[in-house]
N, C-alpha and C. Protein backbone atom coordinates (compact mmCIF):
# COMPACT_ATOMS: atom_id res chain seq x y z
N MET A 1 0.83 -1.19 0.00
CA MET A 1 0.00 0.00 0.00
C MET A 1 0.87 1.25 0.00
N LYS A 2 0.21 2.36 0.05
CA LYS A 2 0.86 3.64 -0.19
C LYS A 2 1.35 4.28 1.10
N GLY A 3 2.43 5.04 0.99
CA GLY A 3 2.95 5.78 2.12
C GLY A 3 2.48 7.21 2.10
N GLY A 4 3.26 8.09 2.76
CA GLY A 4 2.96 9.51 2.76
C GLY A 4 1.61 9.80 3.36
N GLY A 5 0.85 10.73 2.72
CA GLY A 5 -0.43 11.14 3.25
C GLY A 5 -1.53 10.11 3.12
N MET A 6 -1.28 9.02 2.41
CA MET A 6 -2.29 8.01 2.21
C MET A 6 -2.21 6.88 3.22
N GLY A 7 -1.51 7.11 4.30
CA GLY A 7 -1.30 6.06 5.29
C GLY A 7 0.09 5.48 5.09
N GLY A 8 0.95 5.68 6.05
CA GLY A 8 2.33 5.25 5.90
C GLY A 8 2.54 3.80 6.27
N LYS A 9 3.79 3.42 6.31
CA LYS A 9 4.17 2.05 6.61
C LYS A 9 3.56 1.57 7.93
N GLU A 10 3.62 2.41 8.97
CA GLU A 10 3.09 2.00 10.26
C GLU A 10 1.60 1.70 10.18
N HIS A 11 0.87 2.53 9.43
CA HIS A 11 -0.58 2.31 9.28
C HIS A 11 -0.86 0.94 8.71
N TRP A 12 -0.18 0.62 7.59
CA TRP A 12 -0.48 -0.65 6.91
C TRP A 12 0.08 -1.85 7.67
N ASP A 13 1.20 -1.68 8.34
CA ASP A 13 1.69 -2.76 9.19
C ASP A 13 0.68 -3.07 10.30
N GLN A 14 0.08 -2.03 10.87
CA GLN A 14 -0.92 -2.23 11.92
C GLN A 14 -2.17 -2.90 11.37
N VAL A 15 -2.58 -2.51 10.16
CA VAL A 15 -3.76 -3.13 9.53
C VAL A 15 -3.55 -4.63 9.39
N TYR A 16 -2.40 -5.02 8.86
CA TYR A 16 -2.17 -6.45 8.63
C TYR A 16 -1.82 -7.19 9.92
N HIS A 17 -1.16 -6.52 10.85
CA HIS A 17 -0.86 -7.16 12.13
C HIS A 17 -2.15 -7.43 12.90
N GLY A 18 -3.10 -6.49 12.83
CA GLY A 18 -4.34 -6.64 13.57
C GLY A 18 -5.36 -7.54 12.91
N ASN A 19 -5.34 -7.59 11.57
CA ASN A 19 -6.39 -8.30 10.85
C ASN A 19 -5.92 -9.54 10.10
N GLY A 20 -4.62 -9.66 9.90
CA GLY A 20 -4.13 -10.78 9.11
C GLY A 20 -4.45 -10.58 7.64
N ALA A 21 -4.35 -11.65 6.88
CA ALA A 21 -4.57 -11.57 5.44
C ALA A 21 -6.04 -11.69 5.05
N LEU A 22 -6.85 -12.30 5.91
CA LEU A 22 -8.21 -12.67 5.53
C LEU A 22 -9.27 -11.66 5.95
N ALA A 23 -9.02 -10.88 6.99
CA ALA A 23 -10.04 -9.99 7.54
C ALA A 23 -9.80 -8.54 7.14
N VAL A 24 -9.47 -8.33 5.87
CA VAL A 24 -9.37 -6.98 5.31
C VAL A 24 -10.40 -6.87 4.20
N SER A 25 -10.92 -5.67 3.99
CA SER A 25 -12.09 -5.51 3.12
C SER A 25 -11.81 -5.92 1.69
N TRP A 26 -10.55 -5.82 1.24
CA TRP A 26 -10.22 -6.10 -0.16
C TRP A 26 -9.89 -7.57 -0.41
N TYR A 27 -9.99 -8.41 0.63
CA TYR A 27 -9.61 -9.82 0.48
C TYR A 27 -10.46 -10.52 -0.58
N GLN A 28 -9.80 -11.32 -1.41
CA GLN A 28 -10.46 -12.17 -2.38
C GLN A 28 -9.88 -13.58 -2.26
N ALA A 29 -10.74 -14.58 -2.16
CA ALA A 29 -10.26 -15.96 -2.12
C ALA A 29 -9.66 -16.35 -3.46
N ARG A 30 -10.23 -15.83 -4.53
CA ARG A 30 -9.69 -16.03 -5.88
C ARG A 30 -9.89 -14.73 -6.65
N PRO A 31 -8.82 -14.08 -7.09
CA PRO A 31 -8.94 -12.78 -7.78
C PRO A 31 -9.31 -12.93 -9.25
N GLU A 32 -10.56 -13.28 -9.49
CA GLU A 32 -11.02 -13.63 -10.83
C GLU A 32 -10.78 -12.52 -11.84
N GLY A 33 -11.17 -11.29 -11.50
CA GLY A 33 -11.04 -10.19 -12.45
C GLY A 33 -9.60 -9.96 -12.87
N SER A 34 -8.71 -9.98 -11.91
CA SER A 34 -7.29 -9.77 -12.21
C SER A 34 -6.75 -10.91 -13.06
N LEU A 35 -7.07 -12.14 -12.70
CA LEU A 35 -6.55 -13.29 -13.44
C LEU A 35 -7.03 -13.28 -14.88
N ARG A 36 -8.28 -12.94 -15.09
CA ARG A 36 -8.80 -12.94 -16.46
C ARG A 36 -8.10 -11.89 -17.31
N LEU A 37 -7.92 -10.69 -16.76
CA LEU A 37 -7.28 -9.63 -17.53
C LEU A 37 -5.80 -9.91 -17.76
N ILE A 38 -5.13 -10.50 -16.79
CA ILE A 38 -3.73 -10.86 -16.98
C ILE A 38 -3.60 -11.90 -18.08
N GLU A 39 -4.46 -12.89 -18.06
CA GLU A 39 -4.42 -13.90 -19.13
C GLU A 39 -4.70 -13.27 -20.49
N ALA A 40 -5.68 -12.36 -20.53
CA ALA A 40 -6.04 -11.71 -21.79
C ALA A 40 -4.90 -10.85 -22.33
N ALA A 41 -4.05 -10.34 -21.45
CA ALA A 41 -2.94 -9.50 -21.89
C ALA A 41 -1.96 -10.28 -22.75
N GLY A 42 -1.84 -11.58 -22.50
CA GLY A 42 -1.02 -12.42 -23.35
C GLY A 42 0.47 -12.13 -23.29
N VAL A 43 0.98 -11.80 -22.11
CA VAL A 43 2.41 -11.48 -22.01
C VAL A 43 3.28 -12.73 -21.98
N GLY A 44 2.67 -13.89 -21.89
CA GLY A 44 3.43 -15.13 -21.86
C GLY A 44 3.80 -15.53 -20.44
N LYS A 45 4.08 -16.81 -20.26
CA LYS A 45 4.37 -17.32 -18.92
C LYS A 45 5.66 -16.76 -18.34
N SER A 46 6.58 -16.35 -19.21
CA SER A 46 7.85 -15.80 -18.73
C SER A 46 7.89 -14.28 -18.81
N GLY A 47 6.79 -13.67 -19.24
CA GLY A 47 6.72 -12.21 -19.27
C GLY A 47 6.72 -11.65 -17.86
N GLY A 48 7.51 -10.64 -17.61
CA GLY A 48 7.61 -10.09 -16.27
C GLY A 48 6.32 -9.43 -15.82
N ILE A 49 5.82 -9.81 -14.65
CA ILE A 49 4.61 -9.25 -14.06
C ILE A 49 4.95 -8.70 -12.68
N ILE A 50 4.57 -7.46 -12.41
CA ILE A 50 4.76 -6.87 -11.09
C ILE A 50 3.41 -6.48 -10.51
N ASP A 51 3.14 -6.94 -9.30
CA ASP A 51 1.88 -6.66 -8.60
C ASP A 51 2.14 -5.55 -7.59
N ILE A 52 1.54 -4.39 -7.84
CA ILE A 52 1.77 -3.19 -7.04
C ILE A 52 0.79 -3.15 -5.87
N GLY A 53 1.30 -2.93 -4.66
CA GLY A 53 0.42 -2.92 -3.50
C GLY A 53 -0.18 -4.28 -3.25
N SER A 54 0.65 -5.30 -3.41
CA SER A 54 0.17 -6.68 -3.34
C SER A 54 -0.41 -7.03 -1.99
N GLY A 55 0.11 -6.40 -0.93
CA GLY A 55 -0.33 -6.79 0.40
C GLY A 55 -0.06 -8.27 0.61
N ALA A 56 -1.04 -8.97 1.16
CA ALA A 56 -0.93 -10.41 1.34
C ALA A 56 -1.82 -11.14 0.34
N SER A 57 -2.09 -10.50 -0.80
CA SER A 57 -2.99 -11.05 -1.81
C SER A 57 -2.52 -12.43 -2.28
N VAL A 58 -3.50 -13.27 -2.63
CA VAL A 58 -3.19 -14.60 -3.17
C VAL A 58 -3.02 -14.57 -4.69
N LEU A 59 -3.02 -13.39 -5.30
CA LEU A 59 -2.82 -13.33 -6.75
C LEU A 59 -1.53 -14.03 -7.15
N VAL A 60 -0.46 -13.80 -6.41
CA VAL A 60 0.82 -14.41 -6.76
C VAL A 60 0.74 -15.93 -6.69
N ASP A 61 -0.03 -16.47 -5.75
CA ASP A 61 -0.21 -17.92 -5.65
C ASP A 61 -0.84 -18.47 -6.92
N PHE A 62 -1.90 -17.80 -7.37
CA PHE A 62 -2.60 -18.28 -8.55
C PHE A 62 -1.75 -18.13 -9.81
N LEU A 63 -0.95 -17.09 -9.88
CA LEU A 63 -0.06 -16.93 -11.04
C LEU A 63 1.01 -18.01 -11.05
N LEU A 64 1.54 -18.35 -9.89
CA LEU A 64 2.49 -19.46 -9.82
C LEU A 64 1.82 -20.77 -10.20
N ASP A 65 0.59 -20.97 -9.73
CA ASP A 65 -0.16 -22.18 -10.09
C ASP A 65 -0.36 -22.29 -11.60
N ALA A 66 -0.49 -21.12 -12.26
CA ALA A 66 -0.70 -21.08 -13.71
C ALA A 66 0.62 -21.08 -14.49
N ASP A 67 1.72 -21.33 -13.78
CA ASP A 67 3.04 -21.50 -14.40
C ASP A 67 3.67 -20.20 -14.90
N TYR A 68 3.25 -19.06 -14.35
CA TYR A 68 4.00 -17.83 -14.62
C TYR A 68 5.30 -17.89 -13.81
N THR A 69 6.39 -17.52 -14.45
CA THR A 69 7.70 -17.77 -13.85
C THR A 69 8.50 -16.51 -13.54
N ASN A 70 7.98 -15.34 -13.88
CA ASN A 70 8.76 -14.11 -13.74
C ASN A 70 7.93 -13.08 -12.99
N LEU A 71 7.80 -13.28 -11.69
CA LEU A 71 6.85 -12.51 -10.89
C LEU A 71 7.55 -11.66 -9.84
N ALA A 72 7.01 -10.46 -9.64
CA ALA A 72 7.48 -9.56 -8.59
C ALA A 72 6.28 -8.97 -7.89
N VAL A 73 6.43 -8.71 -6.60
CA VAL A 73 5.37 -8.05 -5.84
C VAL A 73 5.98 -6.90 -5.06
N LEU A 74 5.20 -5.85 -4.89
CA LEU A 74 5.66 -4.65 -4.19
C LEU A 74 4.61 -4.23 -3.18
N ASP A 75 5.05 -3.95 -1.97
CA ASP A 75 4.14 -3.40 -0.97
C ASP A 75 4.94 -2.62 0.06
N LEU A 76 4.29 -1.65 0.66
CA LEU A 76 4.92 -0.83 1.70
C LEU A 76 5.03 -1.58 3.02
N SER A 77 4.14 -2.54 3.24
CA SER A 77 4.04 -3.20 4.54
C SER A 77 4.89 -4.46 4.61
N ARG A 78 5.87 -4.45 5.50
CA ARG A 78 6.67 -5.65 5.72
C ARG A 78 5.82 -6.77 6.31
N VAL A 79 4.85 -6.42 7.14
CA VAL A 79 3.98 -7.43 7.73
C VAL A 79 3.19 -8.15 6.64
N ALA A 80 2.62 -7.40 5.71
CA ALA A 80 1.84 -8.01 4.62
C ALA A 80 2.71 -8.93 3.78
N LEU A 81 3.89 -8.46 3.41
CA LEU A 81 4.79 -9.29 2.61
C LEU A 81 5.21 -10.53 3.38
N GLY A 82 5.40 -10.39 4.68
CA GLY A 82 5.76 -11.55 5.49
C GLY A 82 4.66 -12.59 5.51
N LEU A 83 3.41 -12.15 5.57
CA LEU A 83 2.29 -13.09 5.53
C LEU A 83 2.25 -13.84 4.21
N ALA A 84 2.49 -13.12 3.12
CA ALA A 84 2.48 -13.76 1.80
C ALA A 84 3.63 -14.76 1.68
N LYS A 85 4.81 -14.38 2.12
CA LYS A 85 5.96 -15.29 2.05
C LYS A 85 5.73 -16.54 2.89
N GLN A 86 5.17 -16.36 4.07
CA GLN A 86 4.89 -17.50 4.94
C GLN A 86 3.90 -18.45 4.29
N ARG A 87 2.88 -17.88 3.66
CA ARG A 87 1.86 -18.71 3.01
C ARG A 87 2.46 -19.51 1.84
N LEU A 88 3.32 -18.86 1.07
CA LEU A 88 3.89 -19.51 -0.11
C LEU A 88 4.94 -20.55 0.25
N GLY A 89 5.57 -20.40 1.40
CA GLY A 89 6.60 -21.36 1.77
C GLY A 89 7.78 -21.31 0.80
N PRO A 90 8.30 -22.48 0.40
CA PRO A 90 9.46 -22.50 -0.51
C PRO A 90 9.22 -21.78 -1.83
N ARG A 91 7.97 -21.69 -2.26
CA ARG A 91 7.69 -21.02 -3.53
C ARG A 91 8.00 -19.53 -3.48
N ALA A 92 8.08 -18.97 -2.29
CA ALA A 92 8.40 -17.54 -2.17
C ALA A 92 9.78 -17.23 -2.74
N GLU A 93 10.64 -18.23 -2.81
CA GLU A 93 12.00 -18.01 -3.29
C GLU A 93 12.05 -17.67 -4.77
N VAL A 94 11.02 -18.02 -5.53
CA VAL A 94 11.04 -17.75 -6.97
C VAL A 94 10.35 -16.43 -7.31
N VAL A 95 9.89 -15.70 -6.30
CA VAL A 95 9.24 -14.40 -6.48
C VAL A 95 10.21 -13.31 -6.04
N THR A 96 10.22 -12.19 -6.76
CA THR A 96 11.01 -11.03 -6.36
C THR A 96 10.15 -10.13 -5.47
N TRP A 97 10.66 -9.77 -4.30
CA TRP A 97 9.90 -9.01 -3.32
C TRP A 97 10.49 -7.61 -3.15
N PHE A 98 9.62 -6.61 -3.25
CA PHE A 98 10.04 -5.22 -3.03
C PHE A 98 9.23 -4.63 -1.88
N GLU A 99 9.90 -4.25 -0.81
CA GLU A 99 9.25 -3.50 0.27
C GLU A 99 9.51 -2.03 -0.01
N ALA A 100 8.51 -1.34 -0.57
CA ALA A 100 8.76 0.01 -1.07
C ALA A 100 7.46 0.78 -1.22
N ASP A 101 7.60 2.10 -1.25
CA ASP A 101 6.52 3.03 -1.57
C ASP A 101 6.49 3.19 -3.08
N VAL A 102 5.38 2.89 -3.69
CA VAL A 102 5.31 2.91 -5.15
C VAL A 102 5.66 4.27 -5.73
N THR A 103 5.38 5.34 -5.02
CA THR A 103 5.66 6.67 -5.57
C THR A 103 7.15 7.01 -5.54
N GLU A 104 7.94 6.20 -4.85
CA GLU A 104 9.38 6.44 -4.76
C GLU A 104 10.20 5.28 -5.32
N PHE A 105 9.54 4.29 -5.86
CA PHE A 105 10.19 3.06 -6.30
C PHE A 105 11.01 3.29 -7.57
N ILE A 106 12.25 2.82 -7.54
CA ILE A 106 13.12 2.83 -8.72
C ILE A 106 13.28 1.38 -9.17
N PRO A 107 12.63 0.99 -10.24
CA PRO A 107 12.66 -0.43 -10.64
C PRO A 107 14.04 -0.83 -11.17
N PRO A 108 14.50 -2.02 -10.83
CA PRO A 108 15.78 -2.50 -11.36
C PRO A 108 15.69 -2.97 -12.80
N ARG A 109 14.48 -3.11 -13.30
CA ARG A 109 14.25 -3.59 -14.66
C ARG A 109 12.85 -3.17 -15.08
N ARG A 110 12.50 -3.45 -16.33
CA ARG A 110 11.15 -3.17 -16.81
C ARG A 110 10.32 -4.45 -16.81
N TYR A 111 9.02 -4.27 -16.73
CA TYR A 111 8.10 -5.41 -16.68
C TYR A 111 7.08 -5.32 -17.81
N ALA A 112 6.65 -6.48 -18.26
CA ALA A 112 5.68 -6.55 -19.35
C ALA A 112 4.27 -6.21 -18.88
N LEU A 113 4.01 -6.40 -17.58
CA LEU A 113 2.66 -6.16 -17.06
C LEU A 113 2.73 -5.59 -15.65
N TRP A 114 2.00 -4.52 -15.46
CA TRP A 114 1.86 -3.83 -14.16
C TRP A 114 0.45 -4.07 -13.68
N HIS A 115 0.29 -4.62 -12.48
CA HIS A 115 -1.03 -4.88 -11.91
C HIS A 115 -1.18 -4.13 -10.60
N ASP A 116 -2.28 -3.43 -10.45
CA ASP A 116 -2.56 -2.66 -9.23
C ASP A 116 -4.04 -2.77 -8.94
N ARG A 117 -4.38 -3.51 -7.92
CA ARG A 117 -5.76 -3.55 -7.45
C ARG A 117 -5.82 -2.80 -6.12
N ALA A 118 -6.39 -1.59 -6.18
CA ALA A 118 -6.72 -0.82 -4.98
C ALA A 118 -5.53 -0.12 -4.31
N VAL A 119 -4.58 0.36 -5.11
CA VAL A 119 -3.57 1.28 -4.58
C VAL A 119 -3.84 2.70 -5.08
N PHE A 120 -3.99 2.84 -6.40
CA PHE A 120 -4.08 4.18 -6.99
C PHE A 120 -5.20 5.01 -6.36
N HIS A 121 -6.31 4.37 -6.00
CA HIS A 121 -7.42 5.17 -5.47
C HIS A 121 -7.13 5.75 -4.08
N PHE A 122 -6.06 5.30 -3.42
CA PHE A 122 -5.67 5.92 -2.15
C PHE A 122 -4.90 7.22 -2.34
N LEU A 123 -4.47 7.50 -3.55
CA LEU A 123 -3.62 8.67 -3.79
C LEU A 123 -4.50 9.90 -3.99
N THR A 124 -4.81 10.56 -2.90
CA THR A 124 -5.71 11.72 -2.95
C THR A 124 -4.96 13.02 -3.21
N HIS A 125 -3.64 12.99 -3.17
CA HIS A 125 -2.83 14.18 -3.45
C HIS A 125 -2.32 14.12 -4.88
N GLU A 126 -2.45 15.24 -5.59
CA GLU A 126 -2.05 15.28 -7.00
C GLU A 126 -0.58 14.92 -7.18
N LEU A 127 0.28 15.39 -6.30
CA LEU A 127 1.71 15.09 -6.43
C LEU A 127 1.97 13.60 -6.34
N ASP A 128 1.29 12.92 -5.42
CA ASP A 128 1.46 11.48 -5.30
C ASP A 128 1.01 10.76 -6.57
N ARG A 129 -0.08 11.24 -7.16
CA ARG A 129 -0.56 10.61 -8.39
C ARG A 129 0.45 10.81 -9.53
N ARG A 130 1.03 11.99 -9.60
CA ARG A 130 2.04 12.24 -10.65
C ARG A 130 3.26 11.34 -10.45
N LYS A 131 3.68 11.19 -9.22
CA LYS A 131 4.83 10.33 -8.93
C LYS A 131 4.51 8.87 -9.23
N TYR A 132 3.29 8.45 -8.96
CA TYR A 132 2.86 7.09 -9.30
C TYR A 132 2.98 6.87 -10.80
N VAL A 133 2.46 7.81 -11.59
CA VAL A 133 2.51 7.68 -13.05
C VAL A 133 3.96 7.66 -13.53
N GLU A 134 4.82 8.44 -12.91
CA GLU A 134 6.23 8.41 -13.28
C GLU A 134 6.84 7.04 -13.01
N THR A 135 6.49 6.44 -11.87
CA THR A 135 6.99 5.10 -11.57
C THR A 135 6.46 4.09 -12.57
N LEU A 136 5.18 4.17 -12.87
CA LEU A 136 4.58 3.28 -13.86
C LEU A 136 5.28 3.40 -15.20
N THR A 137 5.55 4.62 -15.62
CA THR A 137 6.17 4.86 -16.92
C THR A 137 7.57 4.25 -17.00
N ARG A 138 8.34 4.38 -15.93
CA ARG A 138 9.71 3.86 -15.98
C ARG A 138 9.78 2.36 -15.69
N THR A 139 8.67 1.79 -15.23
CA THR A 139 8.65 0.36 -14.91
C THR A 139 8.12 -0.48 -16.07
N LEU A 140 7.18 0.07 -16.83
CA LEU A 140 6.50 -0.70 -17.87
C LEU A 140 7.33 -0.75 -19.14
N ALA A 141 7.47 -1.94 -19.70
CA ALA A 141 8.21 -2.12 -20.95
C ALA A 141 7.43 -1.52 -22.11
N PRO A 142 8.11 -1.12 -23.18
CA PRO A 142 7.40 -0.63 -24.37
C PRO A 142 6.38 -1.66 -24.85
N GLY A 143 5.17 -1.20 -25.09
CA GLY A 143 4.10 -2.09 -25.50
C GLY A 143 3.52 -2.93 -24.38
N GLY A 144 3.93 -2.64 -23.14
CA GLY A 144 3.47 -3.42 -22.00
C GLY A 144 2.04 -3.11 -21.60
N HIS A 145 1.54 -3.88 -20.66
CA HIS A 145 0.15 -3.78 -20.21
C HIS A 145 0.09 -3.29 -18.77
N ALA A 146 -0.89 -2.45 -18.49
CA ALA A 146 -1.14 -1.97 -17.13
C ALA A 146 -2.59 -2.25 -16.78
N ILE A 147 -2.81 -2.96 -15.69
CA ILE A 147 -4.15 -3.28 -15.21
C ILE A 147 -4.32 -2.60 -13.86
N LEU A 148 -5.26 -1.66 -13.80
CA LEU A 148 -5.54 -0.95 -12.56
C LEU A 148 -6.99 -1.18 -12.17
N ALA A 149 -7.22 -1.49 -10.90
CA ALA A 149 -8.57 -1.60 -10.37
C ALA A 149 -8.73 -0.57 -9.26
N THR A 150 -9.78 0.23 -9.37
CA THR A 150 -10.05 1.28 -8.39
C THR A 150 -11.51 1.22 -7.96
N PHE A 151 -11.83 1.91 -6.89
CA PHE A 151 -13.23 2.08 -6.57
C PHE A 151 -13.90 2.85 -7.71
N ALA A 152 -15.07 2.39 -8.10
CA ALA A 152 -15.82 3.01 -9.18
C ALA A 152 -16.62 4.20 -8.65
N LYS A 153 -17.11 5.00 -9.57
CA LYS A 153 -18.08 6.02 -9.19
C LYS A 153 -19.25 5.31 -8.49
N GLY A 154 -19.63 5.79 -7.34
CA GLY A 154 -20.65 5.10 -6.56
C GLY A 154 -20.06 4.11 -5.57
N GLY A 155 -18.73 3.95 -5.59
CA GLY A 155 -18.06 3.08 -4.64
C GLY A 155 -17.81 3.79 -3.33
N PRO A 156 -17.09 3.14 -2.41
CA PRO A 156 -16.83 3.73 -1.10
C PRO A 156 -16.05 5.04 -1.18
N LEU A 157 -16.23 5.87 -0.18
CA LEU A 157 -15.49 7.13 -0.06
C LEU A 157 -14.27 6.98 0.84
N LYS A 158 -14.25 5.91 1.62
CA LYS A 158 -13.13 5.64 2.51
C LYS A 158 -12.81 4.15 2.51
N CYS A 159 -11.57 3.84 2.87
CA CYS A 159 -11.16 2.45 3.05
C CYS A 159 -10.07 2.42 4.11
N SER A 160 -10.19 1.52 5.05
CA SER A 160 -9.22 1.42 6.15
C SER A 160 -9.02 2.75 6.87
N GLY A 161 -10.09 3.53 6.96
CA GLY A 161 -10.04 4.81 7.65
C GLY A 161 -9.42 5.93 6.85
N LEU A 162 -9.10 5.68 5.58
CA LEU A 162 -8.46 6.69 4.72
C LEU A 162 -9.39 7.13 3.61
N ASP A 163 -9.30 8.39 3.22
CA ASP A 163 -10.05 8.88 2.08
C ASP A 163 -9.52 8.24 0.80
N VAL A 164 -10.41 8.07 -0.17
CA VAL A 164 -10.03 7.52 -1.47
C VAL A 164 -10.63 8.37 -2.58
N CYS A 165 -10.13 8.16 -3.78
CA CYS A 165 -10.71 8.75 -4.98
C CYS A 165 -11.44 7.64 -5.75
N ARG A 166 -12.50 8.01 -6.45
CA ARG A 166 -13.24 7.05 -7.27
C ARG A 166 -13.10 7.45 -8.73
N TYR A 167 -13.06 6.45 -9.61
CA TYR A 167 -12.74 6.73 -11.00
C TYR A 167 -13.71 6.07 -11.97
N ASP A 168 -13.91 6.77 -13.10
CA ASP A 168 -14.46 6.14 -14.29
C ASP A 168 -13.37 6.19 -15.34
N ALA A 169 -13.67 5.72 -16.55
CA ALA A 169 -12.64 5.63 -17.59
C ALA A 169 -12.07 7.00 -17.92
N ALA A 170 -12.93 8.00 -18.06
CA ALA A 170 -12.46 9.33 -18.46
C ALA A 170 -11.53 9.94 -17.42
N SER A 171 -11.89 9.84 -16.16
CA SER A 171 -11.07 10.47 -15.12
C SER A 171 -9.75 9.73 -14.93
N LEU A 172 -9.76 8.40 -15.05
CA LEU A 172 -8.51 7.67 -14.89
C LEU A 172 -7.58 7.90 -16.08
N CYS A 173 -8.13 7.91 -17.28
CA CYS A 173 -7.31 8.19 -18.46
C CYS A 173 -6.66 9.57 -18.36
N ALA A 174 -7.40 10.54 -17.83
CA ALA A 174 -6.85 11.88 -17.67
C ALA A 174 -5.67 11.88 -16.69
N GLU A 175 -5.74 11.05 -15.66
CA GLU A 175 -4.66 10.98 -14.68
C GLU A 175 -3.42 10.29 -15.26
N LEU A 176 -3.63 9.24 -16.05
CA LEU A 176 -2.50 8.44 -16.52
C LEU A 176 -1.82 9.02 -17.74
N GLY A 177 -2.54 9.81 -18.52
CA GLY A 177 -1.92 10.49 -19.65
C GLY A 177 -1.97 9.71 -20.95
N ALA A 178 -1.42 10.33 -21.99
CA ALA A 178 -1.53 9.80 -23.35
C ALA A 178 -0.65 8.60 -23.61
N GLY A 179 0.27 8.30 -22.71
CA GLY A 179 1.16 7.17 -22.93
C GLY A 179 0.52 5.82 -22.73
N LEU A 180 -0.70 5.80 -22.20
CA LEU A 180 -1.42 4.55 -21.99
C LEU A 180 -2.77 4.62 -22.69
N ARG A 181 -3.07 3.57 -23.44
CA ARG A 181 -4.34 3.51 -24.19
C ARG A 181 -5.25 2.49 -23.54
N LEU A 182 -6.46 2.92 -23.17
CA LEU A 182 -7.43 2.03 -22.55
C LEU A 182 -8.02 1.09 -23.59
N ILE A 183 -7.96 -0.21 -23.32
CA ILE A 183 -8.53 -1.17 -24.26
C ILE A 183 -9.71 -1.95 -23.68
N GLU A 184 -9.87 -1.92 -22.35
CA GLU A 184 -10.99 -2.65 -21.76
C GLU A 184 -11.29 -2.12 -20.37
N GLN A 185 -12.57 -2.08 -20.04
CA GLN A 185 -13.02 -1.77 -18.68
C GLN A 185 -13.97 -2.86 -18.24
N VAL A 186 -13.80 -3.33 -17.03
CA VAL A 186 -14.68 -4.35 -16.46
C VAL A 186 -15.14 -3.86 -15.09
N ASP A 187 -16.43 -3.82 -14.87
CA ASP A 187 -16.98 -3.41 -13.58
C ASP A 187 -17.27 -4.64 -12.73
N GLU A 188 -17.04 -4.50 -11.44
CA GLU A 188 -17.19 -5.63 -10.53
C GLU A 188 -17.79 -5.16 -9.21
N THR A 189 -18.67 -5.95 -8.66
CA THR A 189 -19.15 -5.72 -7.30
C THR A 189 -18.42 -6.69 -6.39
N HIS A 190 -17.52 -6.14 -5.61
CA HIS A 190 -16.73 -6.96 -4.68
C HIS A 190 -17.50 -7.11 -3.38
N VAL A 191 -17.55 -8.33 -2.88
CA VAL A 191 -18.20 -8.61 -1.59
C VAL A 191 -17.10 -8.81 -0.55
N THR A 192 -17.12 -7.98 0.47
CA THR A 192 -16.09 -8.03 1.51
C THR A 192 -16.30 -9.26 2.40
N PRO A 193 -15.31 -9.59 3.24
CA PRO A 193 -15.48 -10.73 4.14
C PRO A 193 -16.68 -10.60 5.07
N TRP A 194 -17.14 -9.36 5.32
CA TRP A 194 -18.33 -9.19 6.17
C TRP A 194 -19.57 -8.88 5.35
N LYS A 195 -19.53 -9.27 4.07
CA LYS A 195 -20.70 -9.33 3.19
C LYS A 195 -21.26 -7.97 2.79
N THR A 196 -20.46 -6.92 2.84
CA THR A 196 -20.87 -5.65 2.26
C THR A 196 -20.36 -5.59 0.82
N GLU A 197 -21.01 -4.75 0.01
CA GLU A 197 -20.66 -4.67 -1.40
C GLU A 197 -19.87 -3.39 -1.69
N GLN A 198 -18.88 -3.53 -2.56
CA GLN A 198 -18.06 -2.39 -2.99
C GLN A 198 -17.97 -2.41 -4.51
N LYS A 199 -18.22 -1.26 -5.13
CA LYS A 199 -18.16 -1.17 -6.58
C LYS A 199 -16.73 -0.87 -7.03
N PHE A 200 -16.17 -1.75 -7.83
CA PHE A 200 -14.84 -1.59 -8.41
C PHE A 200 -14.96 -1.49 -9.92
N SER A 201 -13.97 -0.86 -10.53
CA SER A 201 -13.79 -0.92 -11.98
C SER A 201 -12.35 -1.32 -12.26
N TYR A 202 -12.20 -2.25 -13.21
CA TYR A 202 -10.89 -2.69 -13.68
C TYR A 202 -10.64 -2.05 -15.03
N PHE A 203 -9.44 -1.52 -15.21
CA PHE A 203 -9.08 -0.85 -16.46
C PHE A 203 -7.80 -1.49 -17.01
N HIS A 204 -7.87 -1.89 -18.27
CA HIS A 204 -6.73 -2.55 -18.93
C HIS A 204 -6.17 -1.59 -19.97
N PHE A 205 -4.93 -1.19 -19.77
CA PHE A 205 -4.25 -0.24 -20.67
C PHE A 205 -3.09 -0.93 -21.37
N VAL A 206 -2.73 -0.38 -22.53
CA VAL A 206 -1.52 -0.78 -23.24
C VAL A 206 -0.64 0.44 -23.40
N GLU A 207 0.65 0.27 -23.13
CA GLU A 207 1.60 1.36 -23.30
C GLU A 207 1.76 1.68 -24.78
N GLN A 208 1.67 2.95 -25.10
CA GLN A 208 1.87 3.38 -26.49
C GLN A 208 2.89 4.51 -26.50
N THR A 209 4.08 4.21 -26.94
CA THR A 209 5.12 5.21 -27.02
C THR A 209 4.76 6.23 -28.09
N PRO A 210 4.73 7.51 -27.76
CA PRO A 210 4.35 8.52 -28.76
C PRO A 210 5.26 8.47 -29.98
N LYS A 211 4.65 8.59 -31.15
CA LYS A 211 5.42 8.58 -32.39
C LYS A 211 6.13 9.92 -32.56
N ARG A 212 7.36 9.86 -33.07
CA ARG A 212 8.14 11.08 -33.27
C ARG A 212 8.04 11.52 -34.73
């Protein structure tokens, strides 16, 4: 998750320390929407995939089960990453782990696919959003895919005690800029562990390097 004004490392460590991996509102037993869009992107089993704000998500488990071999996860919370590593056991050794703030992350390489479910909508400050886009730009390979899921218009106004932004296609495209072309939007009603509903939208972009 995000640092700075959107809840720092201590905030998210406390969230995961107090609730574990299963009792957080964004928990999914199987991340169907993400898996479908990742498969549709067609980056190949060895195409580099980085999951931004992974927390203790089981997405990495399912990608390993599907024989993806070039996986990285990034999160601000050491507690969340520790839960994921513990769950994966020996399989954690084949995943690259980054404990970092996405707005300050300097990637050691580029990735074919950037996945973010429920990080970007925590960035309520314009500067943080600009820094996020800068990180995305320097992380994504030419022609790469970016999948972002945010609270939709009509979705929650807060999450984990923090304010959030809600997006439709037009507002998210305006934030990300002309370097990413939207190719698909999928709306989802997420049911939390305590059976409340949250409206999400998934957006699938392709990197398009401007022609000179």
